[in-house]
All heavy atoms as atom14 arrays in JSON, in Angstrom:
{
  "sequence": "ANLSEPLLYRFYGDINELLVDVVHYFYRFDKSVQKTIQSKNGSCVEK",
  "atom14_mask": [
    [1, 1, 1, 1, 1, 0, 0, 0, 0, 0, 0, 0, 0, 0],
    [1, 1, 1, 1, 1, 1, 1, 1, 0, 0, 0, 0, 0, 0],
    [1, 1, 1, 1, 1, 1, 1, 1, 0, 0, 0, 0, 0, 0],
    [1, 1, 1, 1, 1, 1, 0, 0, 0, 0, 0, 0, 0, 0],
    [1, 1, 1, 1, 1, 1, 1, 1, 1, 0, 0, 0, 0, 0],
    [1, 1, 1, 1, 1, 1, 1, 0, 0, 0, 0, 0, 0, 0],
    [1, 1, 1, 1, 1, 1, 1, 1, 0, 0, 0, 0, 0, 0],
    [1, 1, 1, 1, 1, 1, 1, 1, 0, 0, 0, 0, 0, 0],
    [1, 1, 1, 1, 1, 1, 1, 1, 1, 1, 1, 1, 0, 0],
    [1, 1, 1, 1, 1, 1, 1, 1, 1, 1, 1, 0, 0, 0],
    [1, 1, 1, 1, 1, 1, 1, 1, 1, 1, 1, 0, 0, 0],
    [1, 1, 1, 1, 1, 1, 1, 1, 1, 1, 1, 1, 0, 0],
    [1, 1, 1, 1, 0, 0, 0, 0, 0, 0, 0, 0, 0, 0],
    [1, 1, 1, 1, 1, 1, 1, 1, 0, 0, 0, 0, 0, 0],
    [1, 1, 1, 1, 1, 1, 1, 1, 0, 0, 0, 0, 0, 0],
    [1, 1, 1, 1, 1, 1, 1, 1, 0, 0, 0, 0, 0, 0],
    [1, 1, 1, 1, 1, 1, 1, 1, 1, 0, 0, 0, 0, 0],
    [1, 1, 1, 1, 1, 1, 1, 1, 0, 0, 0, 0, 0, 0],
    [1, 1, 1, 1, 1, 1, 1, 1, 0, 0, 0, 0, 0, 0],
    [1, 1, 1, 1, 1, 1, 1, 0, 0, 0, 0, 0, 0, 0],
    [1, 1, 1, 1, 1, 1, 1, 1, 0, 0, 0, 0, 0, 0],
    [1, 1, 1, 1, 1, 1, 1, 0, 0, 0, 0, 0, 0, 0],
    [1, 1, 1, 1, 1, 1, 1, 0, 0, 0, 0, 0, 0, 0],
    [1, 1, 1, 1, 1, 1, 1, 1, 1, 1, 0, 0, 0, 0],
    [1, 1, 1, 1, 1, 1, 1, 1, 1, 1, 1, 1, 0, 0],
    [1, 1, 1, 1, 1, 1, 1, 1, 1, 1, 1, 0, 0, 0],
    [1, 1, 1, 1, 1, 1, 1, 1, 1, 1, 1, 1, 0, 0],
    [1, 1, 1, 1, 1, 1, 1, 1, 1, 1, 1, 0, 0, 0],
    [1, 1, 1, 1, 1, 1, 1, 1, 1, 1, 1, 0, 0, 0],
    [1, 1, 1, 1, 1, 1, 1, 1, 0, 0, 0, 0, 0, 0],
    [1, 1, 1, 1, 1, 1, 1, 1, 1, 0, 0, 0, 0, 0],
    [1, 1, 1, 1, 1, 1, 0, 0, 0, 0, 0, 0, 0, 0],
    [1, 1, 1, 1, 1, 1, 1, 0, 0, 0, 0, 0, 0, 0],
    [1, 1, 1, 1, 1, 1, 1, 1, 1, 0, 0, 0, 0, 0],
    [1, 1, 1, 1, 1, 1, 1, 1, 1, 0, 0, 0, 0, 0],
    [1, 1, 1, 1, 1, 1, 1, 0, 0, 0, 0, 0, 0, 0],
    [1, 1, 1, 1, 1, 1, 1, 1, 0, 0, 0, 0, 0, 0],
    [1, 1, 1, 1, 1, 1, 1, 1, 1, 0, 0, 0, 0, 0],
    [1, 1, 1, 1, 1, 1, 0, 0, 0, 0, 0, 0, 0, 0],
    [1, 1, 1, 1, 1, 1, 1, 1, 1, 0, 0, 0, 0, 0],
    [1, 1, 1, 1, 1, 1, 1, 1, 0, 0, 0, 0, 0, 0],
    [1, 1, 1, 1, 0, 0, 0, 0, 0, 0, 0, 0, 0, 0],
    [1, 1, 1, 1, 1, 1, 0, 0, 0, 0, 0, 0, 0, 0],
    [1, 1, 1, 1, 1, 1, 0, 0, 0, 0, 0, 0, 0, 0],
    [1, 1, 1, 1, 1, 1, 1, 0, 0, 0, 0, 0, 0, 0],
    [1, 1, 1, 1, 1, 1, 1, 1, 1, 0, 0, 0, 0, 0],
    [1, 1, 1, 1, 1, 1, 1, 1, 1, 0, 0, 0, 0, 0]
  ],
  "atom14_positions": [
    [[0.81, -1.27, -0.01], [0.03, -0.01, -0.03], [0.85, 1.29, 0.02], [0.32, 2.41, -0.05], [-0.93, 0.03, 1.26], [0.0, 0.0, 0.0], [0.0, 0.0, 0.0], [0.0, 0.0, 0.0], [0.0, 0.0, 0.0], [0.0, 0.0, 0.0], [0.0, 0.0, 0.0], [0.0, 0.0, 0.0], [0.0, 0.0, 0.0], [0.0, 0.0, 0.0]],
    [[2.17, 1.08, 0.1], [3.08, 2.18, 0.17], [2.76, 3.16, 1.32], [2.63, 4.32, 1.19], [3.14, 3.04, -1.1], [4.27, 3.87, -1.25], [5.36, 3.64, -0.62], [4.19, 4.9, -2.1], [0.0, 0.0, 0.0], [0.0, 0.0, 0.0], [0.0, 0.0, 0.0], [0.0, 0.0, 0.0], [0.0, 0.0, 0.0], [0.0, 0.0, 0.0]],
    [[2.53, 2.46, 2.53], [2.24, 3.23, 3.74], [3.22, 2.78, 4.82], [3.8, 1.61, 4.75], [0.86, 2.85, 4.25], [-0.37, 3.24, 3.33], [-1.61, 2.47, 3.88], [-0.54, 4.69, 3.3], [0.0, 0.0, 0.0], [0.0, 0.0, 0.0], [0.0, 0.0, 0.0], [0.0, 0.0, 0.0], [0.0, 0.0, 0.0], [0.0, 0.0, 0.0]],
    [[3.46, 3.58, 5.83], [4.36, 3.17, 6.87], [3.56, 2.26, 7.85], [2.4, 2.36, 8.0], [4.91, 4.4, 7.61], [3.81, 5.01, 8.35], [0.0, 0.0, 0.0], [0.0, 0.0, 0.0], [0.0, 0.0, 0.0], [0.0, 0.0, 0.0], [0.0, 0.0, 0.0], [0.0, 0.0, 0.0], [0.0, 0.0, 0.0], [0.0, 0.0, 0.0]],
    [[4.44, 1.35, 8.53], [3.78, 0.49, 9.46], [3.17, 1.25, 10.63], [2.08, 0.93, 11.18], [4.74, -0.58, 9.95], [4.96, -1.82, 8.98], [5.84, -2.82, 9.47], [5.27, -3.55, 10.35], [6.97, -2.89, 9.05], [0.0, 0.0, 0.0], [0.0, 0.0, 0.0], [0.0, 0.0, 0.0], [0.0, 0.0, 0.0], [0.0, 0.0, 0.0]],
    [[3.81, 2.24, 11.13], [3.26, 3.01, 12.23], [1.83, 3.73, 11.81], [0.9, 3.71, 12.67], [4.23, 4.17, 12.56], [5.58, 3.62, 12.15], [5.26, 2.72, 10.91], [0.0, 0.0, 0.0], [0.0, 0.0, 0.0], [0.0, 0.0, 0.0], [0.0, 0.0, 0.0], [0.0, 0.0, 0.0], [0.0, 0.0, 0.0], [0.0, 0.0, 0.0]],
    [[1.74, 4.03, 10.55], [0.43, 4.5, 10.17], [-0.63, 3.46, 10.21], [-1.8, 3.69, 10.62], [0.51, 5.08, 8.69], [-0.84, 5.63, 8.05], [-1.29, 6.75, 8.94], [-0.55, 6.06, 6.64], [0.0, 0.0, 0.0], [0.0, 0.0, 0.0], [0.0, 0.0, 0.0], [0.0, 0.0, 0.0], [0.0, 0.0, 0.0], [0.0, 0.0, 0.0]],
    [[-0.36, 2.18, 9.76], [-1.25, 1.13, 9.91], [-1.72, 0.94, 11.38], [-2.97, 0.7, 11.58], [-0.56, -0.19, 9.47], [-0.23, -0.36, 7.94], [0.51, -1.63, 7.75], [-1.5, -0.32, 7.13], [0.0, 0.0, 0.0], [0.0, 0.0, 0.0], [0.0, 0.0, 0.0], [0.0, 0.0, 0.0], [0.0, 0.0, 0.0], [0.0, 0.0, 0.0]],
    [[-0.82, 1.03, 12.27], [-1.29, 0.9, 13.77], [-2.08, 2.07, 14.2], [-2.75, 1.86, 15.23], [0.02, 0.77, 14.58], [0.74, -0.59, 14.37], [1.9, -0.7, 13.82], [0.08, -1.74, 14.86], [2.47, -2.01, 13.68], [0.59, -3.0, 14.75], [1.8, -3.13, 14.15], [2.41, -4.37, 14.03], [0.0, 0.0, 0.0], [0.0, 0.0, 0.0]],
    [[-2.2, 3.1, 13.5], [-3.22, 4.19, 13.86], [-4.62, 3.68, 13.63], [-5.54, 4.07, 14.24], [-2.9, 5.43, 13.08], [-1.7, 6.24, 13.63], [-1.5, 7.49, 12.87], [-2.61, 8.35, 12.77], [-2.81, 9.23, 11.83], [-1.88, 9.49, 10.96], [-3.91, 9.89, 11.82], [0.0, 0.0, 0.0], [0.0, 0.0, 0.0], [0.0, 0.0, 0.0]],
    [[-4.69, 2.86, 12.57], [-6.1, 2.27, 12.24], [-6.34, 0.85, 12.89], [-7.51, 0.63, 13.18], [-6.17, 2.21, 10.73], [-6.12, 3.53, 10.02], [-4.92, 4.02, 9.62], [-7.36, 4.17, 9.88], [-4.96, 5.3, 8.86], [-7.34, 5.47, 9.29], [-6.1, 5.94, 8.83], [0.0, 0.0, 0.0], [0.0, 0.0, 0.0], [0.0, 0.0, 0.0]],
    [[-5.28, 0.07, 12.95], [-5.49, -1.33, 13.44], [-4.43, -1.74, 14.45], [-3.32, -1.61, 14.21], [-5.48, -2.29, 12.26], [-6.63, -2.01, 11.31], [-6.38, -1.4, 10.04], [-7.89, -2.43, 11.58], [-7.4, -1.09, 9.19], [-8.95, -2.17, 10.67], [-8.7, -1.52, 9.52], [-9.74, -1.35, 8.63], [0.0, 0.0, 0.0], [0.0, 0.0, 0.0]],
    [[-4.91, -2.19, 15.59], [-3.94, -2.68, 16.66], [-3.23, -3.93, 16.17], [-2.11, -4.1, 16.71], [0.0, 0.0, 0.0], [0.0, 0.0, 0.0], [0.0, 0.0, 0.0], [0.0, 0.0, 0.0], [0.0, 0.0, 0.0], [0.0, 0.0, 0.0], [0.0, 0.0, 0.0], [0.0, 0.0, 0.0], [0.0, 0.0, 0.0], [0.0, 0.0, 0.0]],
    [[-3.91, -4.83, 15.48], [-3.23, -5.96, 14.99], [-4.0, -6.56, 13.73], [-4.95, -5.92, 13.29], [-3.23, -7.07, 16.05], [-4.61, -7.52, 16.53], [-5.63, -7.27, 15.8], [-4.64, -8.04, 17.64], [0.0, 0.0, 0.0], [0.0, 0.0, 0.0], [0.0, 0.0, 0.0], [0.0, 0.0, 0.0], [0.0, 0.0, 0.0], [0.0, 0.0, 0.0]],
    [[-3.52, -7.58, 13.14], [-4.0, -8.09, 11.96], [-5.35, -8.68, 12.09], [-6.22, -8.57, 11.24], [-3.06, -9.26, 11.42], [-1.73, -8.73, 10.92], [-3.79, -10.08, 10.3], [-1.92, -7.7, 9.66], [0.0, 0.0, 0.0], [0.0, 0.0, 0.0], [0.0, 0.0, 0.0], [0.0, 0.0, 0.0], [0.0, 0.0, 0.0], [0.0, 0.0, 0.0]],
    [[-5.74, -9.12, 13.27], [-7.13, -9.65, 13.59], [-8.17, -8.59, 13.54], [-9.24, -8.7, 12.96], [-7.21, -10.35, 14.95], [-6.61, -11.74, 14.88], [-6.57, -12.34, 13.82], [-6.05, -12.26, 15.95], [0.0, 0.0, 0.0], [0.0, 0.0, 0.0], [0.0, 0.0, 0.0], [0.0, 0.0, 0.0], [0.0, 0.0, 0.0], [0.0, 0.0, 0.0]],
    [[-7.8, -7.38, 13.97], [-8.68, -6.26, 13.83], [-8.92, -5.87, 12.38], [-10.09, -5.54, 11.95], [-8.13, -5.03, 14.53], [-8.22, -5.01, 16.11], [-7.73, -3.78, 16.75], [-7.65, -2.7, 16.05], [-7.44, -3.86, 17.96], [0.0, 0.0, 0.0], [0.0, 0.0, 0.0], [0.0, 0.0, 0.0], [0.0, 0.0, 0.0], [0.0, 0.0, 0.0]],
    [[-7.94, -5.9, 11.58], [-8.0, -5.68, 10.09], [-8.88, -6.75, 9.51], [-9.74, -6.47, 8.61], [-6.66, -5.59, 9.57], [-6.59, -5.54, 7.95], [-7.39, -4.35, 7.47], [-5.19, -5.52, 7.5], [0.0, 0.0, 0.0], [0.0, 0.0, 0.0], [0.0, 0.0, 0.0], [0.0, 0.0, 0.0], [0.0, 0.0, 0.0], [0.0, 0.0, 0.0]],
    [[-8.66, -8.02, 9.91], [-9.46, -9.1, 9.37], [-10.95, -8.92, 9.6], [-11.73, -9.25, 8.79], [-8.94, -10.5, 9.79], [-7.72, -11.01, 9.14], [-7.25, -12.3, 9.81], [-7.98, -11.19, 7.67], [0.0, 0.0, 0.0], [0.0, 0.0, 0.0], [0.0, 0.0, 0.0], [0.0, 0.0, 0.0], [0.0, 0.0, 0.0], [0.0, 0.0, 0.0]],
    [[-11.28, -8.42, 10.7], [-12.65, -8.14, 11.1], [-13.31, -7.24, 9.99], [-14.37, -7.48, 9.44], [-12.84, -7.58, 12.5], [-14.21, -7.0, 12.75], [-12.58, -8.69, 13.48], [0.0, 0.0, 0.0], [0.0, 0.0, 0.0], [0.0, 0.0, 0.0], [0.0, 0.0, 0.0], [0.0, 0.0, 0.0], [0.0, 0.0, 0.0], [0.0, 0.0, 0.0]],
    [[-12.54, -6.14, 9.68], [-13.07, -5.22, 8.69], [-13.06, -5.86, 7.3], [-13.98, -5.53, 6.45], [-12.21, -3.94, 8.68], [-12.7, -2.9, 9.8], [-13.66, -3.18, 10.49], [-12.0, -1.84, 9.86], [0.0, 0.0, 0.0], [0.0, 0.0, 0.0], [0.0, 0.0, 0.0], [0.0, 0.0, 0.0], [0.0, 0.0, 0.0], [0.0, 0.0, 0.0]],
    [[-12.07, -6.69, 6.97], [-12.12, -7.36, 5.73], [-13.36, -8.22, 5.51], [-14.01, -8.14, 4.51], [-10.83, -8.19, 5.52], [-10.88, -9.21, 4.38], [-9.6, -7.26, 5.33], [0.0, 0.0, 0.0], [0.0, 0.0, 0.0], [0.0, 0.0, 0.0], [0.0, 0.0, 0.0], [0.0, 0.0, 0.0], [0.0, 0.0, 0.0], [0.0, 0.0, 0.0]],
    [[-13.62, -8.96, 6.57], [-14.84, -9.82, 6.53], [-16.21, -9.04, 6.52], [-17.05, -9.34, 5.68], [-14.87, -10.85, 7.72], [-16.21, -11.56, 7.72], [-13.67, -11.82, 7.57], [0.0, 0.0, 0.0], [0.0, 0.0, 0.0], [0.0, 0.0, 0.0], [0.0, 0.0, 0.0], [0.0, 0.0, 0.0], [0.0, 0.0, 0.0], [0.0, 0.0, 0.0]],
    [[-16.23, -8.03, 7.2], [-17.34, -7.06, 7.11], [-17.45, -6.45, 5.65], [-18.64, -6.4, 5.18], [-17.25, -5.93, 8.11], [-17.73, -6.24, 9.44], [-18.95, -6.65, 9.83], [-17.04, -6.22, 10.66], [-19.07, -6.86, 11.11], [-17.88, -6.57, 11.64], [0.0, 0.0, 0.0], [0.0, 0.0, 0.0], [0.0, 0.0, 0.0], [0.0, 0.0, 0.0]],
    [[-16.32, -6.19, 5.11], [-16.38, -5.64, 3.8], [-16.9, -6.78, 2.78], [-17.69, -6.42, 1.87], [-14.94, -5.22, 3.35], [-14.82, -4.51, 1.98], [-14.95, -3.13, 2.04], [-14.72, -5.2, 0.84], [-14.86, -2.39, 0.78], [-14.67, -4.46, -0.38], [-14.72, -3.09, -0.42], [-14.73, -2.43, -1.55], [0.0, 0.0, 0.0], [0.0, 0.0, 0.0]],
    [[-16.5, -7.97, 3.03], [-16.94, -9.1, 2.21], [-18.48, -9.19, 2.15], [-19.09, -9.52, 1.16], [-16.33, -10.36, 2.62], [-16.73, -11.54, 1.91], [-16.37, -11.74, 0.52], [-17.37, -12.6, 2.46], [-16.66, -12.92, -0.19], [-17.73, -13.74, 1.75], [-17.37, -13.89, 0.44], [0.0, 0.0, 0.0], [0.0, 0.0, 0.0], [0.0, 0.0, 0.0]],
    [[-19.1, -8.94, 3.32], [-20.54, -9.12, 3.42], [-21.3, -7.75, 3.28], [-22.53, -7.78, 3.37], [-20.89, -9.78, 4.74], [-20.57, -11.15, 4.87], [-19.58, -11.71, 5.81], [-21.14, -12.19, 4.04], [-19.18, -13.06, 5.82], [-20.84, -13.48, 4.08], [-19.91, -13.92, 4.96], [-19.55, -15.24, 5.05], [0.0, 0.0, 0.0], [0.0, 0.0, 0.0]],
    [[-20.62, -6.69, 3.08], [-21.32, -5.36, 3.24], [-22.47, -5.09, 2.26], [-23.31, -4.32, 2.45], [-20.29, -4.27, 3.23], [-19.76, -3.84, 1.83], [-18.71, -2.75, 1.96], [-18.68, -2.0, 0.76], [-17.83, -1.01, 0.62], [-17.0, -0.64, 1.57], [-17.81, -0.4, -0.49], [0.0, 0.0, 0.0], [0.0, 0.0, 0.0], [0.0, 0.0, 0.0]],
    [[-22.43, -5.8, 1.05], [-23.49, -5.48, 0.12], [-24.63, -6.39, 0.21], [-25.64, -6.2, -0.6], [-22.92, -5.37, -1.39], [-21.92, -4.32, -1.55], [-20.56, -4.46, -1.7], [-22.36, -2.93, -1.59], [-19.68, -3.54, -1.88], [-21.5, -1.95, -1.86], [-20.16, -2.11, -1.93], [0.0, 0.0, 0.0], [0.0, 0.0, 0.0], [0.0, 0.0, 0.0]],
    [[-24.63, -7.36, 1.01], [-25.65, -8.45, 1.07], [-27.01, -7.83, 1.31], [-27.95, -8.15, 0.55], [-25.37, -9.42, 2.2], [-24.29, -10.33, 1.88], [-23.5, -10.17, 0.79], [-24.08, -11.36, 2.53], [0.0, 0.0, 0.0], [0.0, 0.0, 0.0], [0.0, 0.0, 0.0], [0.0, 0.0, 0.0], [0.0, 0.0, 0.0], [0.0, 0.0, 0.0]],
    [[-27.16, -6.99, 2.26], [-28.62, -6.48, 2.57], [-29.04, -5.54, 1.38], [-30.25, -5.67, 0.98], [-28.5, -5.64, 3.77], [-28.32, -6.57, 5.06], [-28.91, -5.88, 6.35], [-28.47, -6.69, 7.51], [-28.89, -8.06, 7.53], [0.0, 0.0, 0.0], [0.0, 0.0, 0.0], [0.0, 0.0, 0.0], [0.0, 0.0, 0.0], [0.0, 0.0, 0.0]],
    [[-28.21, -4.71, 0.77], [-28.68, -3.94, -0.35], [-28.96, -4.77, -1.57], [-30.0, -4.59, -2.32], [-27.64, -2.87, -0.76], [-26.44, -3.44, -1.1], [0.0, 0.0, 0.0], [0.0, 0.0, 0.0], [0.0, 0.0, 0.0], [0.0, 0.0, 0.0], [0.0, 0.0, 0.0], [0.0, 0.0, 0.0], [0.0, 0.0, 0.0], [0.0, 0.0, 0.0]],
    [[-28.24, -5.85, -1.8], [-28.54, -6.82, -2.93], [-29.89, -7.39, -2.7], [-30.79, -7.47, -3.58], [-27.38, -7.84, -3.13], [-27.88, -8.96, -4.03], [-26.17, -7.12, -3.7], [0.0, 0.0, 0.0], [0.0, 0.0, 0.0], [0.0, 0.0, 0.0], [0.0, 0.0, 0.0], [0.0, 0.0, 0.0], [0.0, 0.0, 0.0], [0.0, 0.0, 0.0]],
    [[-30.04, -7.87, -1.49], [-31.31, -8.58, -1.19], [-32.54, -7.75, -1.22], [-33.48, -8.15, -1.77], [-31.18, -9.16, 0.25], [-30.21, -10.37, 0.38], [-29.88, -10.8, 1.69], [-30.47, -10.29, 2.72], [-28.85, -11.59, 1.95], [0.0, 0.0, 0.0], [0.0, 0.0, 0.0], [0.0, 0.0, 0.0], [0.0, 0.0, 0.0], [0.0, 0.0, 0.0]],
    [[-32.35, -6.49, -0.81], [-33.45, -5.5, -0.79], [-33.75, -5.21, -2.4], [-34.92, -5.1, -2.65], [-33.06, -4.22, -0.16], [-34.19, -3.31, 0.05], [-33.72, -2.11, 0.98], [-34.87, -1.16, 1.27], [-34.43, -0.06, 2.05], [0.0, 0.0, 0.0], [0.0, 0.0, 0.0], [0.0, 0.0, 0.0], [0.0, 0.0, 0.0], [0.0, 0.0, 0.0]],
    [[-32.81, -5.06, -3.18], [-32.99, -4.77, -4.64], [-33.69, -6.02, -5.24], [-34.63, -5.77, -6.01], [-31.62, -4.56, -5.33], [-31.03, -3.43, -4.74], [-31.8, -4.35, -6.8], [0.0, 0.0, 0.0], [0.0, 0.0, 0.0], [0.0, 0.0, 0.0], [0.0, 0.0, 0.0], [0.0, 0.0, 0.0], [0.0, 0.0, 0.0], [0.0, 0.0, 0.0]],
    [[-33.32, -7.21, -4.97], [-33.9, -8.38, -5.51], [-35.42, -8.44, -5.13], [-36.26, -8.68, -5.95], [-33.2, -9.62, -5.09], [-31.74, -9.63, -5.59], [-33.96, -10.92, -5.64], [-31.53, -9.51, -7.04], [0.0, 0.0, 0.0], [0.0, 0.0, 0.0], [0.0, 0.0, 0.0], [0.0, 0.0, 0.0], [0.0, 0.0, 0.0], [0.0, 0.0, 0.0]],
    [[-35.69, -8.18, -3.8], [-37.09, -8.29, -3.35], [-37.97, -7.22, -4.02], [-39.2, -7.44, -4.17], [-37.09, -8.2, -1.87], [-36.64, -9.42, -1.09], [-37.28, -10.69, -1.62], [-36.58, -11.56, -2.27], [-38.57, -10.83, -1.44], [0.0, 0.0, 0.0], [0.0, 0.0, 0.0], [0.0, 0.0, 0.0], [0.0, 0.0, 0.0], [0.0, 0.0, 0.0]],
    [[-37.43, -6.05, -4.34], [-38.23, -4.93, -4.96], [-38.49, -5.21, -6.45], [-39.33, -4.43, -6.97], [-37.47, -3.62, -4.68], [-36.28, -3.58, -5.46], [0.0, 0.0, 0.0], [0.0, 0.0, 0.0], [0.0, 0.0, 0.0], [0.0, 0.0, 0.0], [0.0, 0.0, 0.0], [0.0, 0.0, 0.0], [0.0, 0.0, 0.0], [0.0, 0.0, 0.0]],
    [[-37.79, -6.21, -7.07], [-38.04, -6.4, -8.54], [-39.26, -7.12, -8.71], [-39.74, -7.97, -8.01], [-36.83, -7.23, -9.03], [-35.5, -6.55, -9.08], [-34.46, -7.46, -9.75], [-33.15, -6.68, -9.63], [-32.52, -6.62, -10.95], [0.0, 0.0, 0.0], [0.0, 0.0, 0.0], [0.0, 0.0, 0.0], [0.0, 0.0, 0.0], [0.0, 0.0, 0.0]],
    [[-39.92, -6.62, -9.82], [-41.06, -7.39, -10.36], [-40.56, -8.61, -11.19], [-39.51, -8.52, -11.77], [-41.89, -6.46, -11.19], [-42.56, -5.31, -10.41], [-42.96, -5.52, -9.32], [-42.66, -4.23, -11.04], [0.0, 0.0, 0.0], [0.0, 0.0, 0.0], [0.0, 0.0, 0.0], [0.0, 0.0, 0.0], [0.0, 0.0, 0.0], [0.0, 0.0, 0.0]],
    [[-41.39, -9.63, -11.24], [-40.98, -10.79, -11.88], [-41.17, -12.03, -11.2], [-41.53, -11.95, -9.97], [0.0, 0.0, 0.0], [0.0, 0.0, 0.0], [0.0, 0.0, 0.0], [0.0, 0.0, 0.0], [0.0, 0.0, 0.0], [0.0, 0.0, 0.0], [0.0, 0.0, 0.0], [0.0, 0.0, 0.0], [0.0, 0.0, 0.0], [0.0, 0.0, 0.0]],
    [[-40.87, -13.1, -11.78], [-41.04, -14.44, -11.19], [-39.97, -14.72, -10.12], [-38.92, -14.03, -10.07], [-41.14, -15.56, -12.26], [-39.68, -15.67, -12.72], [0.0, 0.0, 0.0], [0.0, 0.0, 0.0], [0.0, 0.0, 0.0], [0.0, 0.0, 0.0], [0.0, 0.0, 0.0], [0.0, 0.0, 0.0], [0.0, 0.0, 0.0], [0.0, 0.0, 0.0]],
    [[-40.3, -15.7, -9.34], [-39.25, -16.14, -8.31], [-38.0, -16.6, -9.02], [-36.92, -16.35, -8.49], [-39.85, -17.22, -7.44], [-41.34, -16.62, -6.55], [0.0, 0.0, 0.0], [0.0, 0.0, 0.0], [0.0, 0.0, 0.0], [0.0, 0.0, 0.0], [0.0, 0.0, 0.0], [0.0, 0.0, 0.0], [0.0, 0.0, 0.0], [0.0, 0.0, 0.0]],
    [[-38.2, -17.37, -10.08], [-37.02, -17.83, -10.72], [-36.16, -16.71, -11.31], [-34.91, -16.67, -11.28], [-37.42, -18.84, -11.96], [-36.31, -19.11, -12.88], [-37.94, -20.13, -11.3], [0.0, 0.0, 0.0], [0.0, 0.0, 0.0], [0.0, 0.0, 0.0], [0.0, 0.0, 0.0], [0.0, 0.0, 0.0], [0.0, 0.0, 0.0], [0.0, 0.0, 0.0]],
    [[-36.85, -15.65, -11.81], [-36.17, -14.47, -12.28], [-35.3, -13.8, -11.11], [-34.25, -13.3, -11.34], [-37.04, -13.45, -12.89], [-37.63, -13.87, -14.21], [-38.83, -13.08, -14.74], [-39.4, -12.35, -14.0], [-39.07, -13.21, -15.9], [0.0, 0.0, 0.0], [0.0, 0.0, 0.0], [0.0, 0.0, 0.0], [0.0, 0.0, 0.0], [0.0, 0.0, 0.0]],
    [[-35.85, -13.8, -9.99], [-35.24, -13.25, -8.78], [-33.94, -14.15, -8.43], [-32.97, -13.59, -8.01], [-36.15, -13.17, -7.6], [-37.18, -12.05, -7.75], [-38.09, -11.92, -6.54], [-39.11, -10.77, -6.73], [-40.0, -10.59, -5.7], [0.0, 0.0, 0.0], [0.0, 0.0, 0.0], [0.0, 0.0, 0.0], [0.0, 0.0, 0.0], [0.0, 0.0, 0.0]]
  ]
}
């Protein structure tokens, strides 16, 4: 990332804290995708 390690520690105390945000990022669009699908007209198969 071309950042200093001390700068990383300003955001994350350790790798596990960062992994928590990575996993949240992985799932972050689920609710909006689901809401979009439910609002669509069409058959269940189309959804």
